[in-house]
Amino acid sequence: MPYVKLNDGNKIWYEEKGKGTPIVFIHGWLGSSWHFTNQINHFSKTHRVFTFDHKGHGKSDRPENATYTLPEFAEELNQAVTKLIGNQKIVLAGHSMGGFISQIYATNPKLKKNLKGLILMSTAAKFGNPALDEFVELIKKGEMTIIDPGLVDSILVPTCFNAKYIETHQGTIKKFAEEVLKNSEHVASKTAICIVDHYNVEDKLEKIDVPTLILAGNEDTFIFPEEAELMHKKIKNSELKIFSPNIGHMIQFEALEKCNKAIEEFLKKL
């Protein structure tokens, strides 16, 4: 399996396929590179595609002493990309928490110097979901755990996918749940608390100076589509596409063809 070693000695797993301009897909909270299986195969026909498992996720190392903050993930992404492709310009595509990390990356002068384009999928400049805020408070008090099969099936799956997709794509839903349950409670709680308590780049969005594509589902109940509209208003040289009907948080699955087509058209303009 391919791994790249970080400066702290830990290794993160990546997948690489295709040739051409590099496009890097990074996954969201409790996810893994598996979330972009369809995109790897599709875009590797025209681009050099990378996916990474953040530290603590998927097949990457899971040190107990890591902080698991979003800025840390952004810095580690930069280390990995630099080691694998040097100073070549990249297109960065982040979904959900991956979109948070992408915005931190794109607003940091030290990190964004090799950024050619940005794709923000089902994400926001600041997380604002009262249900998860309450959930995190219970986690802090030790009254709730995240990595629990019942919770994943009853709360996380229906929050991420619409009911029709859940009913008609049982194989994907089963795999999604399996990937979530591979995570440790330590990493799950650390990242959730960081997202709710510390993530906010609203006042930095004007620093994003590369062409940006913003994608969302019209019925996303995890990160509301209104957040995509707010980013679009604040990021210059951005375009917005909200997929419908009945498209939830996991747009790369639920709106697969529309999502890939929107990304294709964006890449052609770069």
Protein backbone atom coordinates (compact mmCIF):
# COMPACT_ATOMS: atom_id res chain seq x y z
CA MET A 1 0.00 0.00 0.00
CA PRO A 2 1.30 3.51 -0.75
CA TYR A 3 2.09 5.71 2.23
CA VAL A 4 3.80 9.06 2.57
CA LYS A 5 5.71 9.88 5.76
CA LEU A 6 4.93 13.13 7.55
CA ASN A 7 7.49 15.29 9.33
CA ASP A 8 6.40 13.86 12.69
CA GLY A 9 7.21 10.33 11.51
CA ASN A 10 3.61 9.20 11.09
CA LYS A 11 2.43 7.87 7.74
CA ILE A 12 -0.72 8.73 5.85
CA TRP A 13 -2.20 6.54 3.16
CA TYR A 14 -2.88 7.82 -0.34
CA GLU A 15 -4.08 6.57 -3.69
CA GLU A 16 -2.78 7.89 -7.01
CA LYS A 17 -4.11 7.23 -10.47
CA GLY A 18 -3.81 8.82 -13.92
CA LYS A 19 -1.66 11.52 -15.52
CA GLY A 20 -1.97 15.25 -16.06
CA THR A 21 -2.78 18.17 -13.78
CA PRO A 22 -3.01 16.90 -10.19
CA ILE A 23 -6.42 16.99 -8.53
CA VAL A 24 -6.47 16.12 -4.83
CA PHE A 25 -9.68 14.89 -3.17
CA ILE A 26 -9.89 14.99 0.63
CA HIS A 27 -12.66 13.41 2.65
CA GLY A 28 -14.82 14.59 5.51
CA TRP A 29 -15.46 13.75 9.15
CA LEU A 30 -15.20 10.02 9.96
CA GLY A 31 -14.59 9.30 6.27
CA SER A 32 -11.80 7.91 4.13
CA SER A 33 -10.60 7.94 0.55
CA TRP A 34 -13.35 5.44 -0.19
CA HIS A 35 -15.73 8.41 -0.39
CA PHE A 36 -14.13 9.31 -3.72
CA THR A 37 -13.96 5.88 -5.35
CA ASN A 38 -16.12 7.01 -8.26
CA GLN A 39 -14.18 10.24 -8.74
CA ILE A 40 -10.80 8.48 -8.75
CA ASN A 41 -11.85 6.23 -11.60
CA HIS A 42 -13.63 8.96 -13.55
CA PHE A 43 -11.13 11.83 -13.36
CA SER A 44 -7.99 9.71 -13.69
CA LYS A 45 -8.83 9.48 -17.40
CA THR A 46 -7.77 13.12 -17.79
CA HIS A 47 -5.94 14.07 -14.58
CA ARG A 48 -3.45 12.77 -12.05
CA VAL A 49 -5.82 12.04 -9.17
CA PHE A 50 -4.83 11.76 -5.52
CA THR A 51 -6.88 10.90 -2.46
CA PHE A 52 -5.55 10.93 1.10
CA ASP A 53 -6.74 9.45 4.38
CA HIS A 54 -6.24 12.11 7.04
CA LYS A 55 -4.15 11.07 10.02
CA GLY A 56 -6.31 9.00 12.33
CA HIS A 57 -8.61 7.95 9.47
CA GLY A 58 -8.86 5.08 7.01
CA LYS A 59 -5.55 3.30 6.52
CA SER A 60 -3.39 6.11 7.93
CA ASP A 61 -1.51 6.01 11.24
CA ARG A 62 -3.55 6.77 14.35
CA PRO A 63 -1.28 8.18 17.06
CA GLU A 64 -3.02 8.77 20.37
CA ASN A 65 -0.98 11.89 21.12
CA ALA A 66 -1.95 13.83 17.96
CA THR A 67 -4.14 16.92 18.30
CA TYR A 68 -6.34 16.13 15.27
CA THR A 69 -7.12 19.76 14.51
CA LEU A 70 -8.14 21.07 11.11
CA PRO A 71 -5.05 23.33 10.72
CA GLU A 72 -2.92 20.27 11.50
CA PHE A 73 -4.67 18.31 8.74
CA ALA A 74 -4.10 21.19 6.29
CA GLU A 75 -0.39 21.34 7.11
CA GLU A 76 -0.03 17.56 6.81
CA LEU A 77 -1.82 17.64 3.46
CA ASN A 78 0.71 20.21 2.27
CA GLN A 79 3.60 18.03 3.46
CA ALA A 80 2.21 15.01 1.63
CA VAL A 81 1.47 16.85 -1.61
CA THR A 82 4.89 18.52 -1.63
CA LYS A 83 6.67 15.21 -1.12
CA LEU A 84 4.68 13.49 -3.87
CA ILE A 85 4.48 16.15 -6.60
CA GLY A 86 6.84 18.94 -5.57
CA ASN A 87 5.87 22.47 -6.54
CA GLN A 88 3.43 21.53 -9.29
CA LYS A 89 0.10 23.38 -9.17
CA ILE A 90 -2.85 21.40 -7.84
CA VAL A 91 -6.63 21.52 -7.82
CA LEU A 92 -7.90 20.80 -4.31
CA ALA A 93 -11.35 19.28 -3.79
CA GLY A 94 -12.67 18.86 -0.27
CA HIS A 95 -15.96 17.37 0.90
CA SER A 96 -17.58 18.41 4.21
CA MET A 97 -14.74 18.52 6.80
CA GLY A 98 -12.43 18.14 3.81
CA GLY A 99 -13.93 21.42 2.60
CA PHE A 100 -13.10 23.03 5.95
CA ILE A 101 -9.51 21.86 5.58
CA SER A 102 -9.45 23.06 1.96
CA GLN A 103 -10.53 26.55 3.00
CA ILE A 104 -7.88 26.69 5.71
CA TYR A 105 -5.37 25.61 3.06
CA ALA A 106 -6.60 28.19 0.54
CA THR A 107 -6.50 31.09 3.02
CA ASN A 108 -3.02 30.34 4.39
CA PRO A 109 -0.31 32.16 2.37
CA LYS A 110 2.27 29.48 3.22
CA LEU A 111 0.08 26.64 1.95
CA LYS A 112 -1.85 28.08 -1.00
CA LYS A 113 1.12 29.08 -3.17
CA ASN A 114 0.72 26.00 -5.41
CA LEU A 115 -3.07 26.09 -5.54
CA LYS A 116 -4.55 26.31 -9.05
CA GLY A 117 -8.22 25.78 -8.28
CA LEU A 118 -10.54 24.94 -5.40
CA ILE A 119 -13.63 22.72 -5.25
CA LEU A 120 -15.79 22.96 -2.11
CA MET A 121 -18.35 20.18 -1.72
CA SER A 122 -21.14 20.15 0.90
CA THR A 123 -19.19 22.42 3.21
CA ALA A 124 -19.18 25.79 4.95
CA ALA A 125 -16.94 28.60 6.16
CA LYS A 126 -18.25 28.05 9.69
CA PHE A 127 -20.08 25.04 11.02
CA GLY A 128 -23.57 25.88 12.18
CA ASN A 129 -25.81 22.92 12.97
CA PRO A 130 -27.56 23.21 16.36
CA ALA A 131 -28.14 19.45 16.53
CA LEU A 132 -24.40 18.70 16.31
CA ASP A 133 -23.59 21.52 18.72
CA GLU A 134 -25.78 19.79 21.30
CA PHE A 135 -24.26 16.43 20.38
CA VAL A 136 -20.74 17.74 21.00
CA GLU A 137 -21.72 19.09 24.40
CA LEU A 138 -22.87 15.59 25.37
CA ILE A 139 -19.55 14.19 24.12
CA LYS A 140 -17.61 16.67 26.27
CA LYS A 141 -19.61 15.57 29.33
CA GLY A 142 -18.96 11.92 28.57
CA GLU A 143 -22.67 11.27 28.07
CA MET A 144 -22.46 10.28 24.38
CA THR A 145 -20.21 8.22 22.16
CA ILE A 146 -19.91 8.55 18.39
CA ILE A 147 -18.50 5.23 17.21
CA ASP A 148 -21.58 3.15 17.91
CA PRO A 149 -23.42 1.04 15.29
CA GLY A 150 -26.84 2.11 16.52
CA LEU A 151 -26.00 5.79 16.41
CA VAL A 152 -24.43 5.50 12.95
CA ASP A 153 -27.50 3.74 11.55
CA SER A 154 -30.11 5.90 13.26
CA ILE A 155 -28.51 9.35 13.11
CA LEU A 156 -25.45 9.65 10.91
CA VAL A 157 -26.66 7.71 7.87
CA PRO A 158 -30.02 9.53 7.57
CA THR A 159 -28.26 12.85 8.16
CA CYS A 160 -25.82 12.20 5.33
CA PHE A 161 -28.11 10.51 2.78
CA ASN A 162 -31.69 11.05 1.69
CA ALA A 163 -34.27 8.34 2.42
CA LYS A 164 -34.70 7.22 -1.18
CA TYR A 165 -30.96 6.74 -1.69
CA ILE A 166 -30.70 4.75 1.54
CA GLU A 167 -33.49 2.47 0.35
CA THR A 168 -32.11 1.90 -3.14
CA HIS A 169 -28.35 1.73 -2.44
CA GLN A 170 -28.01 -0.61 0.50
CA GLY A 171 -24.52 -1.75 -0.53
CA THR A 172 -23.16 1.79 -0.46
CA ILE A 173 -24.88 2.54 2.83
CA LYS A 174 -23.45 -0.61 4.43
CA LYS A 175 -19.94 0.30 3.24
CA PHE A 176 -20.35 3.89 4.47
CA ALA A 177 -21.30 2.67 7.94
CA GLU A 178 -18.43 0.17 7.99
CA GLU A 179 -15.94 2.93 7.13
CA VAL A 180 -17.29 5.18 9.88
CA LEU A 181 -17.05 2.42 12.49
CA LYS A 182 -13.36 1.87 11.68
CA ASN A 183 -12.63 5.20 13.36
CA SER A 184 -11.62 5.46 17.01
CA GLU A 185 -13.74 7.33 19.53
CA HIS A 186 -10.70 9.44 20.37
CA VAL A 187 -10.27 10.79 16.83
CA ALA A 188 -14.03 11.14 16.26
CA SER A 189 -14.54 13.27 19.37
CA LYS A 190 -11.36 15.32 18.89
CA THR A 191 -12.32 16.31 15.34
CA ALA A 192 -15.98 16.97 16.20
CA ILE A 193 -15.03 19.30 19.05
CA CYS A 194 -12.50 21.10 16.84
CA ILE A 195 -15.11 21.64 14.13
CA VAL A 196 -17.76 23.03 16.47
CA ASP A 197 -15.54 25.06 18.81
CA HIS A 198 -12.69 26.31 16.64
CA TYR A 199 -13.45 26.27 12.92
CA ASN A 200 -14.38 29.62 11.37
CA VAL A 201 -12.82 31.16 8.24
CA GLU A 202 -15.66 33.54 7.35
CA ASP A 203 -13.46 36.61 7.73
CA LYS A 204 -10.71 35.05 5.57
CA LEU A 205 -12.72 34.08 2.49
CA GLU A 206 -11.57 37.16 0.57
CA LYS A 207 -8.06 35.66 0.70
CA ILE A 208 -9.15 32.86 -1.63
CA ASP A 209 -7.84 34.09 -4.96
CA VAL A 210 -8.13 31.03 -7.21
CA PRO A 211 -11.13 29.94 -9.29
CA THR A 212 -13.53 28.16 -6.93
CA LEU A 213 -16.41 25.76 -7.56
CA ILE A 214 -18.95 25.39 -4.76
CA LEU A 215 -21.26 22.36 -4.82
CA ALA A 216 -24.14 21.45 -2.49
CA GLY A 217 -27.26 19.33 -2.21
CA ASN A 218 -30.60 21.11 -1.94
CA GLU A 219 -31.72 18.94 1.00
CA ASP A 220 -28.47 18.63 2.93
CA THR A 221 -29.42 18.45 6.63
CA PHE A 222 -25.83 18.14 7.85
CA ILE A 223 -24.40 21.33 6.33
CA PHE A 224 -27.25 23.44 5.00
CA PRO A 225 -27.13 24.64 1.36
CA GLU A 226 -27.48 28.22 2.58
CA GLU A 227 -23.87 27.91 3.72
CA ALA A 228 -22.82 27.32 0.12
CA GLU A 229 -24.64 30.48 -0.93
CA LEU A 230 -22.82 32.48 1.75
CA MET A 231 -19.43 31.21 0.58
CA HIS A 232 -20.32 32.05 -3.01
CA LYS A 233 -21.10 35.64 -2.04
CA LYS A 234 -17.78 36.09 -0.25
CA ILE A 235 -15.36 34.18 -2.50
CA LYS A 236 -14.52 36.17 -5.59
CA ASN A 237 -14.26 34.25 -8.86
CA SER A 238 -16.51 31.49 -7.51
CA GLU A 239 -19.41 29.62 -9.07
CA LEU A 240 -22.19 27.80 -7.26
CA LYS A 241 -24.21 24.72 -8.17
CA ILE A 242 -26.89 23.31 -5.87
CA PHE A 243 -28.06 19.87 -6.97
CA SER A 244 -31.71 18.81 -6.81
CA PRO A 245 -34.18 17.27 -6.30
CA ASN A 246 -33.79 15.51 -2.96
CA ILE A 247 -29.99 15.60 -2.82
CA GLY A 248 -28.41 15.35 0.62
CA HIS A 249 -24.92 15.72 2.05
CA MET A 250 -23.10 13.01 0.10
CA ILE A 251 -23.37 14.63 -3.31
CA GLN A 252 -20.56 12.53 -4.80
CA PHE A 253 -22.88 9.52 -4.39
CA GLU A 254 -26.41 10.92 -4.57
CA ALA A 255 -25.77 13.28 -7.49
CA LEU A 256 -22.88 11.34 -9.00
CA GLU A 257 -23.32 12.24 -12.68
CA LYS A 258 -24.25 15.88 -12.01
CA CYS A 259 -21.38 16.27 -9.57
CA ASN A 260 -18.79 14.79 -11.93
CA LYS A 261 -20.09 16.87 -14.84
CA ALA A 262 -19.87 20.10 -12.82
CA ILE A 263 -16.30 19.29 -11.82
CA GLU A 264 -15.41 18.39 -15.42
CA GLU A 265 -16.70 21.73 -16.71
CA PHE A 266 -14.84 23.60 -13.97
CA LEU A 267 -11.56 21.81 -14.71
CA LYS A 268 -11.82 22.64 -18.41
CA LYS A 269 -11.94 26.35 -17.58
CA LEU A 270 -8.73 26.31 -15.53
